Amino acid sequence: LIAQPTLGLNYAGVLIPAIILIWR
């Protein structure tokens, strides 16, 4: 989400797998 300079709210969905990894 930093490497993509132009984005909308919908891009934040990619964080879902990352949150699961952090939780593990």
mmCIF file of all heavy atoms, coordinates in Angstrom:
data_MODEL
# 
_entry.id   MODEL 
# 
loop_
_atom_site.group_PDB 
_atom_site.id 
_atom_site.type_symbol 
_atom_site.label_atom_id 
_atom_site.label_alt_id 
_atom_site.label_comp_id 
_atom_site.label_asym_id 
_atom_site.label_entity_id 
_atom_site.label_seq_id 
_atom_site.pdbx_PDB_ins_code 
_atom_site.Cartn_x 
_atom_site.Cartn_y 
_atom_site.Cartn_z 
_atom_site.occupancy 
_atom_site.B_iso_or_equiv 
_atom_site.pdbx_formal_charge 
_atom_site.auth_seq_id 
_atom_site.auth_comp_id 
_atom_site.auth_asym_id 
_atom_site.auth_atom_id 
_atom_site.pdbx_PDB_model_num 
ATOM 1   N N   . LEU A 1 1  ? 0.824   -1.219  0.000  1.00 0.00 ? 1  LEU A N   1 
ATOM 2   C CA  . LEU A 1 1  ? 0.000   0.000   0.000  1.00 0.00 ? 1  LEU A CA  1 
ATOM 3   C C   . LEU A 1 1  ? 0.852   1.260   0.000  1.00 0.00 ? 1  LEU A C   1 
ATOM 4   O O   . LEU A 1 1  ? 0.325   2.362   -0.192 1.00 0.00 ? 1  LEU A O   1 
ATOM 5   C CB  . LEU A 1 1  ? -0.945  -0.003  1.202  1.00 0.00 ? 1  LEU A CB  1 
ATOM 6   C CG  . LEU A 1 1  ? -1.939  -1.162  1.255  1.00 0.00 ? 1  LEU A CG  1 
ATOM 7   C CD1 . LEU A 1 1  ? -2.909  -0.984  2.412  1.00 0.00 ? 1  LEU A CD1 1 
ATOM 8   C CD2 . LEU A 1 1  ? -2.691  -1.303  -0.058 1.00 0.00 ? 1  LEU A CD2 1 
ATOM 9   N N   . ILE A 1 2  ? 2.142   1.125   0.237  1.00 0.00 ? 2  ILE A N   1 
ATOM 10  C CA  . ILE A 1 2  ? 3.062   2.248   0.085  1.00 0.00 ? 2  ILE A CA  1 
ATOM 11  C C   . ILE A 1 2  ? 3.636   2.257   -1.327 1.00 0.00 ? 2  ILE A C   1 
ATOM 12  O O   . ILE A 1 2  ? 3.841   3.315   -1.923 1.00 0.00 ? 2  ILE A O   1 
ATOM 13  C CB  . ILE A 1 2  ? 4.215   2.151   1.110  1.00 0.00 ? 2  ILE A CB  1 
ATOM 14  C CG1 . ILE A 1 2  ? 3.658   1.955   2.525  1.00 0.00 ? 2  ILE A CG1 1 
ATOM 15  C CG2 . ILE A 1 2  ? 5.101   3.379   1.041  1.00 0.00 ? 2  ILE A CG2 1 
ATOM 16  C CD1 . ILE A 1 2  ? 2.830   3.097   3.034  1.00 0.00 ? 2  ILE A CD1 1 
ATOM 17  N N   . ALA A 1 3  ? 3.871   1.061   -1.878 1.00 0.00 ? 3  ALA A N   1 
ATOM 18  C CA  . ALA A 1 3  ? 4.449   0.952   -3.218 1.00 0.00 ? 3  ALA A CA  1 
ATOM 19  C C   . ALA A 1 3  ? 3.473   1.379   -4.307 1.00 0.00 ? 3  ALA A C   1 
ATOM 20  O O   . ALA A 1 3  ? 3.875   1.670   -5.434 1.00 0.00 ? 3  ALA A O   1 
ATOM 21  C CB  . ALA A 1 3  ? 4.906   -0.483  -3.473 1.00 0.00 ? 3  ALA A CB  1 
ATOM 22  N N   . GLN A 1 4  ? 2.167   1.398   -3.990 1.00 0.00 ? 4  GLN A N   1 
ATOM 23  C CA  . GLN A 1 4  ? 1.140   1.826   -4.948 1.00 0.00 ? 4  GLN A CA  1 
ATOM 24  C C   . GLN A 1 4  ? 0.754   3.261   -4.607 1.00 0.00 ? 4  GLN A C   1 
ATOM 25  O O   . GLN A 1 4  ? 0.034   3.494   -3.640 1.00 0.00 ? 4  GLN A O   1 
ATOM 26  C CB  . GLN A 1 4  ? -0.080  0.907   -4.862 1.00 0.00 ? 4  GLN A CB  1 
ATOM 27  C CG  . GLN A 1 4  ? -1.238  1.318   -5.749 1.00 0.00 ? 4  GLN A CG  1 
ATOM 28  C CD  . GLN A 1 4  ? -1.226  0.631   -7.098 1.00 0.00 ? 4  GLN A CD  1 
ATOM 29  O OE1 . GLN A 1 4  ? -0.523  -0.341  -7.301 1.00 0.00 ? 4  GLN A OE1 1 
ATOM 30  N NE2 . GLN A 1 4  ? -2.016  1.133   -8.017 1.00 0.00 ? 4  GLN A NE2 1 
ATOM 31  N N   . PRO A 1 5  ? 1.226   4.264   -5.354 1.00 0.00 ? 5  PRO A N   1 
ATOM 32  C CA  . PRO A 1 5  ? 1.001   5.656   -4.951 1.00 0.00 ? 5  PRO A CA  1 
ATOM 33  C C   . PRO A 1 5  ? -0.442  6.117   -5.063 1.00 0.00 ? 5  PRO A C   1 
ATOM 34  O O   . PRO A 1 5  ? -0.860  7.017   -4.345 1.00 0.00 ? 5  PRO A O   1 
ATOM 35  C CB  . PRO A 1 5  ? 1.899   6.449   -5.902 1.00 0.00 ? 5  PRO A CB  1 
ATOM 36  C CG  . PRO A 1 5  ? 2.055   5.572   -7.106 1.00 0.00 ? 5  PRO A CG  1 
ATOM 37  C CD  . PRO A 1 5  ? 2.030   4.164   -6.575 1.00 0.00 ? 5  PRO A CD  1 
ATOM 38  N N   . THR A 1 6  ? -1.211  5.523   -5.978 1.00 0.00 ? 6  THR A N   1 
ATOM 39  C CA  . THR A 1 6  ? -2.600  5.925   -6.180 1.00 0.00 ? 6  THR A CA  1 
ATOM 40  C C   . THR A 1 6  ? -3.503  4.753   -5.839 1.00 0.00 ? 6  THR A C   1 
ATOM 41  O O   . THR A 1 6  ? -3.401  3.690   -6.461 1.00 0.00 ? 6  THR A O   1 
ATOM 42  C CB  . THR A 1 6  ? -2.838  6.357   -7.631 1.00 0.00 ? 6  THR A CB  1 
ATOM 43  O OG1 . THR A 1 6  ? -1.962  7.429   -7.947 1.00 0.00 ? 6  THR A OG1 1 
ATOM 44  C CG2 . THR A 1 6  ? -4.272  6.815   -7.828 1.00 0.00 ? 6  THR A CG2 1 
ATOM 45  N N   . LEU A 1 7  ? -4.376  4.926   -4.875 1.00 0.00 ? 7  LEU A N   1 
ATOM 46  C CA  . LEU A 1 7  ? -5.246  3.825   -4.479 1.00 0.00 ? 7  LEU A CA  1 
ATOM 47  C C   . LEU A 1 7  ? -6.487  4.355   -3.780 1.00 0.00 ? 7  LEU A C   1 
ATOM 48  O O   . LEU A 1 7  ? -6.573  5.525   -3.420 1.00 0.00 ? 7  LEU A O   1 
ATOM 49  C CB  . LEU A 1 7  ? -4.496  2.831   -3.579 1.00 0.00 ? 7  LEU A CB  1 
ATOM 50  C CG  . LEU A 1 7  ? -3.699  3.377   -2.386 1.00 0.00 ? 7  LEU A CG  1 
ATOM 51  C CD1 . LEU A 1 7  ? -4.609  3.630   -1.199 1.00 0.00 ? 7  LEU A CD1 1 
ATOM 52  C CD2 . LEU A 1 7  ? -2.596  2.404   -1.996 1.00 0.00 ? 7  LEU A CD2 1 
ATOM 53  N N   . GLY A 1 8  ? -7.437  3.452   -3.600 1.00 0.00 ? 8  GLY A N   1 
ATOM 54  C CA  . GLY A 1 8  ? -8.676  3.774   -2.904 1.00 0.00 ? 8  GLY A CA  1 
ATOM 55  C C   . GLY A 1 8  ? -8.836  2.904   -1.679 1.00 0.00 ? 8  GLY A C   1 
ATOM 56  O O   . GLY A 1 8  ? -7.983  2.051   -1.382 1.00 0.00 ? 8  GLY A O   1 
ATOM 57  N N   . LEU A 1 9  ? -9.939  3.058   -0.987 1.00 0.00 ? 9  LEU A N   1 
ATOM 58  C CA  . LEU A 1 9  ? -10.210 2.267   0.211  1.00 0.00 ? 9  LEU A CA  1 
ATOM 59  C C   . LEU A 1 9  ? -10.158 0.778   -0.098 1.00 0.00 ? 9  LEU A C   1 
ATOM 60  O O   . LEU A 1 9  ? -9.700  -0.026  0.725  1.00 0.00 ? 9  LEU A O   1 
ATOM 61  C CB  . LEU A 1 9  ? -11.579 2.649   0.771  1.00 0.00 ? 9  LEU A CB  1 
ATOM 62  C CG  . LEU A 1 9  ? -12.124 1.765   1.897  1.00 0.00 ? 9  LEU A CG  1 
ATOM 63  C CD1 . LEU A 1 9  ? -11.216 1.808   3.114  1.00 0.00 ? 9  LEU A CD1 1 
ATOM 64  C CD2 . LEU A 1 9  ? -13.552 2.186   2.266  1.00 0.00 ? 9  LEU A CD2 1 
ATOM 65  N N   . ASN A 1 10 ? -10.617 0.373   -1.290 1.00 0.00 ? 10 ASN A N   1 
ATOM 66  C CA  . ASN A 1 10 ? -10.705 -1.052  -1.614 1.00 0.00 ? 10 ASN A CA  1 
ATOM 67  C C   . ASN A 1 10 ? -9.352  -1.756  -1.590 1.00 0.00 ? 10 ASN A C   1 
ATOM 68  O O   . ASN A 1 10 ? -9.279  -2.963  -1.389 1.00 0.00 ? 10 ASN A O   1 
ATOM 69  C CB  . ASN A 1 10 ? -11.366 -1.244  -2.975 1.00 0.00 ? 10 ASN A CB  1 
ATOM 70  C CG  . ASN A 1 10 ? -10.650 -0.538  -4.099 1.00 0.00 ? 10 ASN A CG  1 
ATOM 71  O OD1 . ASN A 1 10 ? -10.182 0.588   -3.958 1.00 0.00 ? 10 ASN A OD1 1 
ATOM 72  N ND2 . ASN A 1 10 ? -10.558 -1.173  -5.246 1.00 0.00 ? 10 ASN A ND2 1 
ATOM 73  N N   . TYR A 1 11 ? -8.270  -1.012  -1.770 1.00 0.00 ? 11 TYR A N   1 
ATOM 74  C CA  . TYR A 1 11 ? -6.943  -1.633  -1.760 1.00 0.00 ? 11 TYR A CA  1 
ATOM 75  C C   . TYR A 1 11 ? -6.584  -2.210  -0.389 1.00 0.00 ? 11 TYR A C   1 
ATOM 76  O O   . TYR A 1 11 ? -5.790  -3.136  -0.288 1.00 0.00 ? 11 TYR A O   1 
ATOM 77  C CB  . TYR A 1 11 ? -5.884  -0.614  -2.167 1.00 0.00 ? 11 TYR A CB  1 
ATOM 78  C CG  . TYR A 1 11 ? -5.778  -0.377  -3.649 1.00 0.00 ? 11 TYR A CG  1 
ATOM 79  C CD1 . TYR A 1 11 ? -6.785  0.294   -4.339 1.00 0.00 ? 11 TYR A CD1 1 
ATOM 80  C CD2 . TYR A 1 11 ? -4.676  -0.802  -4.373 1.00 0.00 ? 11 TYR A CD2 1 
ATOM 81  C CE1 . TYR A 1 11 ? -6.702  0.533   -5.697 1.00 0.00 ? 11 TYR A CE1 1 
ATOM 82  C CE2 . TYR A 1 11 ? -4.576  -0.565  -5.737 1.00 0.00 ? 11 TYR A CE2 1 
ATOM 83  C CZ  . TYR A 1 11 ? -5.595  0.100   -6.396 1.00 0.00 ? 11 TYR A CZ  1 
ATOM 84  O OH  . TYR A 1 11 ? -5.506  0.317   -7.750 1.00 0.00 ? 11 TYR A OH  1 
ATOM 85  N N   . ALA A 1 12 ? -7.141  -1.638  0.663  1.00 0.00 ? 12 ALA A N   1 
ATOM 86  C CA  . ALA A 1 12 ? -6.784  -2.070  2.015  1.00 0.00 ? 12 ALA A CA  1 
ATOM 87  C C   . ALA A 1 12 ? -7.229  -3.495  2.305  1.00 0.00 ? 12 ALA A C   1 
ATOM 88  O O   . ALA A 1 12 ? -6.782  -4.091  3.291  1.00 0.00 ? 12 ALA A O   1 
ATOM 89  C CB  . ALA A 1 12 ? -7.385  -1.112  3.038  1.00 0.00 ? 12 ALA A CB  1 
ATOM 90  N N   . GLY A 1 13 ? -8.059  -4.073  1.466  1.00 0.00 ? 13 GLY A N   1 
ATOM 91  C CA  . GLY A 1 13 ? -8.477  -5.452  1.670  1.00 0.00 ? 13 GLY A CA  1 
ATOM 92  C C   . GLY A 1 13 ? -7.318  -6.434  1.666  1.00 0.00 ? 13 GLY A C   1 
ATOM 93  O O   . GLY A 1 13 ? -7.388  -7.502  2.286  1.00 0.00 ? 13 GLY A O   1 
ATOM 94  N N   . VAL A 1 14 ? -6.222  -6.089  0.971  1.00 0.00 ? 14 VAL A N   1 
ATOM 95  C CA  . VAL A 1 14 ? -5.087  -7.008  0.897  1.00 0.00 ? 14 VAL A CA  1 
ATOM 96  C C   . VAL A 1 14 ? -4.436  -7.218  2.254  1.00 0.00 ? 14 VAL A C   1 
ATOM 97  O O   . VAL A 1 14 ? -3.635  -8.158  2.420  1.00 0.00 ? 14 VAL A O   1 
ATOM 98  C CB  . VAL A 1 14 ? -4.031  -6.526  -0.117 1.00 0.00 ? 14 VAL A CB  1 
ATOM 99  C CG1 . VAL A 1 14 ? -4.632  -6.412  -1.505 1.00 0.00 ? 14 VAL A CG1 1 
ATOM 100 C CG2 . VAL A 1 14 ? -3.412  -5.200  0.317  1.00 0.00 ? 14 VAL A CG2 1 
ATOM 101 N N   . LEU A 1 15 ? -4.759  -6.377  3.235  1.00 0.00 ? 15 LEU A N   1 
ATOM 102 C CA  . LEU A 1 15 ? -4.171  -6.529  4.563  1.00 0.00 ? 15 LEU A CA  1 
ATOM 103 C C   . LEU A 1 15 ? -4.792  -7.679  5.348  1.00 0.00 ? 15 LEU A C   1 
ATOM 104 O O   . LEU A 1 15 ? -4.247  -8.076  6.385  1.00 0.00 ? 15 LEU A O   1 
ATOM 105 C CB  . LEU A 1 15 ? -4.331  -5.226  5.356  1.00 0.00 ? 15 LEU A CB  1 
ATOM 106 C CG  . LEU A 1 15 ? -3.640  -3.990  4.781  1.00 0.00 ? 15 LEU A CG  1 
ATOM 107 C CD1 . LEU A 1 15 ? -3.893  -2.781  5.675  1.00 0.00 ? 15 LEU A CD1 1 
ATOM 108 C CD2 . LEU A 1 15 ? -2.146  -4.215  4.615  1.00 0.00 ? 15 LEU A CD2 1 
ATOM 109 N N   . ILE A 1 16 ? -5.894  -8.227  4.887  1.00 0.00 ? 16 ILE A N   1 
ATOM 110 C CA  . ILE A 1 16 ? -6.562  -9.304  5.623  1.00 0.00 ? 16 ILE A CA  1 
ATOM 111 C C   . ILE A 1 16 ? -5.646  -10.503 5.829  1.00 0.00 ? 16 ILE A C   1 
ATOM 112 O O   . ILE A 1 16 ? -5.484  -10.988 6.962  1.00 0.00 ? 16 ILE A O   1 
ATOM 113 C CB  . ILE A 1 16 ? -7.870  -9.706  4.926  1.00 0.00 ? 16 ILE A CB  1 
ATOM 114 C CG1 . ILE A 1 16 ? -8.879  -8.552  5.002  1.00 0.00 ? 16 ILE A CG1 1 
ATOM 115 C CG2 . ILE A 1 16 ? -8.467  -10.975 5.552  1.00 0.00 ? 16 ILE A CG2 1 
ATOM 116 C CD1 . ILE A 1 16 ? -10.133 -8.761  4.176  1.00 0.00 ? 16 ILE A CD1 1 
ATOM 117 N N   . PRO A 1 17 ? -5.002  -11.045 4.772  1.00 0.00 ? 17 PRO A N   1 
ATOM 118 C CA  . PRO A 1 17 ? -4.070  -12.155 5.016  1.00 0.00 ? 17 PRO A CA  1 
ATOM 119 C C   . PRO A 1 17 ? -2.908  -11.761 5.913  1.00 0.00 ? 17 PRO A C   1 
ATOM 120 O O   . PRO A 1 17 ? -2.422  -12.578 6.705  1.00 0.00 ? 17 PRO A O   1 
ATOM 121 C CB  . PRO A 1 17 ? -3.575  -12.527 3.614  1.00 0.00 ? 17 PRO A CB  1 
ATOM 122 C CG  . PRO A 1 17 ? -4.507  -11.889 2.662  1.00 0.00 ? 17 PRO A CG  1 
ATOM 123 C CD  . PRO A 1 17 ? -5.119  -10.726 3.349  1.00 0.00 ? 17 PRO A CD  1 
ATOM 124 N N   . ALA A 1 18 ? -2.459  -10.509 5.813  1.00 0.00 ? 18 ALA A N   1 
ATOM 125 C CA  . ALA A 1 18 ? -1.348  -10.058 6.655  1.00 0.00 ? 18 ALA A CA  1 
ATOM 126 C C   . ALA A 1 18 ? -1.742  -10.048 8.125  1.00 0.00 ? 18 ALA A C   1 
ATOM 127 O O   . ALA A 1 18 ? -0.944  -10.411 9.001  1.00 0.00 ? 18 ALA A O   1 
ATOM 128 C CB  . ALA A 1 18 ? -0.892  -8.664  6.220  1.00 0.00 ? 18 ALA A CB  1 
ATOM 129 N N   . ILE A 1 19 ? -2.972  -9.639  8.428  1.00 0.00 ? 19 ILE A N   1 
ATOM 130 C CA  . ILE A 1 19 ? -3.441  -9.637  9.819  1.00 0.00 ? 19 ILE A CA  1 
ATOM 131 C C   . ILE A 1 19 ? -3.450  -11.059 10.368 1.00 0.00 ? 19 ILE A C   1 
ATOM 132 O O   . ILE A 1 19 ? -3.070  -11.301 11.523 1.00 0.00 ? 19 ILE A O   1 
ATOM 133 C CB  . ILE A 1 19 ? -4.843  -9.007  9.912  1.00 0.00 ? 19 ILE A CB  1 
ATOM 134 C CG1 . ILE A 1 19 ? -4.781  -7.522  9.561  1.00 0.00 ? 19 ILE A CG1 1 
ATOM 135 C CG2 . ILE A 1 19 ? -5.430  -9.189  11.305 1.00 0.00 ? 19 ILE A CG2 1 
ATOM 136 C CD1 . ILE A 1 19 ? -6.145  -6.859  9.464  1.00 0.00 ? 19 ILE A CD1 1 
ATOM 137 N N   . ILE A 1 20 ? -3.877  -12.027 9.546  1.00 0.00 ? 20 ILE A N   1 
ATOM 138 C CA  . ILE A 1 20 ? -3.883  -13.425 9.995  1.00 0.00 ? 20 ILE A CA  1 
ATOM 139 C C   . ILE A 1 20 ? -2.463  -13.903 10.272 1.00 0.00 ? 20 ILE A C   1 
ATOM 140 O O   . ILE A 1 20 ? -2.203  -14.595 11.267 1.00 0.00 ? 20 ILE A O   1 
ATOM 141 C CB  . ILE A 1 20 ? -4.567  -14.320 8.946  1.00 0.00 ? 20 ILE A CB  1 
ATOM 142 C CG1 . ILE A 1 20 ? -6.038  -13.912 8.767  1.00 0.00 ? 20 ILE A CG1 1 
ATOM 143 C CG2 . ILE A 1 20 ? -4.483  -15.793 9.354  1.00 0.00 ? 20 ILE A CG2 1 
ATOM 144 C CD1 . ILE A 1 20 ? -6.760  -14.654 7.666  1.00 0.00 ? 20 ILE A CD1 1 
ATOM 145 N N   . LEU A 1 21 ? -1.525  -13.533 9.419  1.00 0.00 ? 21 LEU A N   1 
ATOM 146 C CA  . LEU A 1 21 ? -0.127  -13.908 9.648  1.00 0.00 ? 21 LEU A CA  1 
ATOM 147 C C   . LEU A 1 21 ? 0.391   -13.316 10.955 1.00 0.00 ? 21 LEU A C   1 
ATOM 148 O O   . LEU A 1 21 ? 1.093   -13.983 11.721 1.00 0.00 ? 21 LEU A O   1 
ATOM 149 C CB  . LEU A 1 21 ? 0.745   -13.447 8.482  1.00 0.00 ? 21 LEU A CB  1 
ATOM 150 C CG  . LEU A 1 21 ? 0.573   -14.179 7.147  1.00 0.00 ? 21 LEU A CG  1 
ATOM 151 C CD1 . LEU A 1 21 ? 1.437   -13.531 6.081  1.00 0.00 ? 21 LEU A CD1 1 
ATOM 152 C CD2 . LEU A 1 21 ? 0.916   -15.656 7.285  1.00 0.00 ? 21 LEU A CD2 1 
ATOM 153 N N   . ILE A 1 22 ? 0.057   -12.055 11.206 1.00 0.00 ? 22 ILE A N   1 
ATOM 154 C CA  . ILE A 1 22 ? 0.482   -11.417 12.451 1.00 0.00 ? 22 ILE A CA  1 
ATOM 155 C C   . ILE A 1 22 ? -0.142  -12.131 13.643 1.00 0.00 ? 22 ILE A C   1 
ATOM 156 O O   . ILE A 1 22 ? 0.515   -12.385 14.661 1.00 0.00 ? 22 ILE A O   1 
ATOM 157 C CB  . ILE A 1 22 ? 0.102   -9.922  12.462 1.00 0.00 ? 22 ILE A CB  1 
ATOM 158 C CG1 . ILE A 1 22 ? 0.857   -9.151  11.365 1.00 0.00 ? 22 ILE A CG1 1 
ATOM 159 C CG2 . ILE A 1 22 ? 0.359   -9.305  13.834 1.00 0.00 ? 22 ILE A CG2 1 
ATOM 160 C CD1 . ILE A 1 22 ? 2.333   -9.057  11.572 1.00 0.00 ? 22 ILE A CD1 1 
ATOM 161 N N   . TRP A 1 23 ? -1.417  -12.477 13.529 1.00 0.00 ? 23 TRP A N   1 
ATOM 162 C CA  . TRP A 1 23 ? -2.118  -13.148 14.625 1.00 0.00 ? 23 TRP A CA  1 
ATOM 163 C C   . TRP A 1 23 ? -1.495  -14.505 14.923 1.00 0.00 ? 23 TRP A C   1 
ATOM 164 O O   . TRP A 1 23 ? -1.404  -14.922 16.081 1.00 0.00 ? 23 TRP A O   1 
ATOM 165 C CB  . TRP A 1 23 ? -3.598  -13.307 14.266 1.00 0.00 ? 23 TRP A CB  1 
ATOM 166 C CG  . TRP A 1 23 ? -4.451  -13.732 15.425 1.00 0.00 ? 23 TRP A CG  1 
ATOM 167 C CD1 . TRP A 1 23 ? -5.040  -12.916 16.341 1.00 0.00 ? 23 TRP A CD1 1 
ATOM 168 C CD2 . TRP A 1 23 ? -4.803  -15.066 15.776 1.00 0.00 ? 23 TRP A CD2 1 
ATOM 169 N NE1 . TRP A 1 23 ? -5.753  -13.673 17.244 1.00 0.00 ? 23 TRP A NE1 1 
ATOM 170 C CE2 . TRP A 1 23 ? -5.622  -14.990 16.917 1.00 0.00 ? 23 TRP A CE2 1 
ATOM 171 C CE3 . TRP A 1 23 ? -4.520  -16.323 15.240 1.00 0.00 ? 23 TRP A CE3 1 
ATOM 172 C CZ2 . TRP A 1 23 ? -6.151  -16.125 17.541 1.00 0.00 ? 23 TRP A CZ2 1 
ATOM 173 C CZ3 . TRP A 1 23 ? -5.038  -17.450 15.857 1.00 0.00 ? 23 TRP A CZ3 1 
ATOM 174 C CH2 . TRP A 1 23 ? -5.848  -17.345 16.994 1.00 0.00 ? 23 TRP A CH2 1 
ATOM 175 N N   . ARG A 1 24 ? -1.066  -15.204 13.901 1.00 0.00 ? 24 ARG A N   1 
ATOM 176 C CA  . ARG A 1 24 ? -0.422  -16.503 14.111 1.00 0.00 ? 24 ARG A CA  1 
ATOM 177 C C   . ARG A 1 24 ? 0.882   -16.352 14.900 1.00 0.00 ? 24 ARG A C   1 
ATOM 178 O O   . ARG A 1 24 ? 1.253   -17.233 15.666 1.00 0.00 ? 24 ARG A O   1 
ATOM 179 C CB  . ARG A 1 24 ? -0.127  -17.154 12.758 1.00 0.00 ? 24 ARG A CB  1 
ATOM 180 C CG  . ARG A 1 24 ? -1.357  -17.685 12.048 1.00 0.00 ? 24 ARG A CG  1 
ATOM 181 C CD  . ARG A 1 24 ? -1.079  -17.942 10.579 1.00 0.00 ? 24 ARG A CD  1 
ATOM 182 N NE  . ARG A 1 24 ? -0.113  -19.002 10.372 1.00 0.00 ? 24 ARG A NE  1 
ATOM 183 C CZ  . ARG A 1 24 ? -0.418  -20.270 10.096 1.00 0.00 ? 24 ARG A CZ  1 
ATOM 184 N NH1 . ARG A 1 24 ? -1.690  -20.618 9.993  1.00 0.00 ? 24 ARG A NH1 1 
ATOM 185 N NH2 . ARG A 1 24 ? 0.508   -21.165 9.903  1.00 0.00 ? 24 ARG A NH2 1 
# 
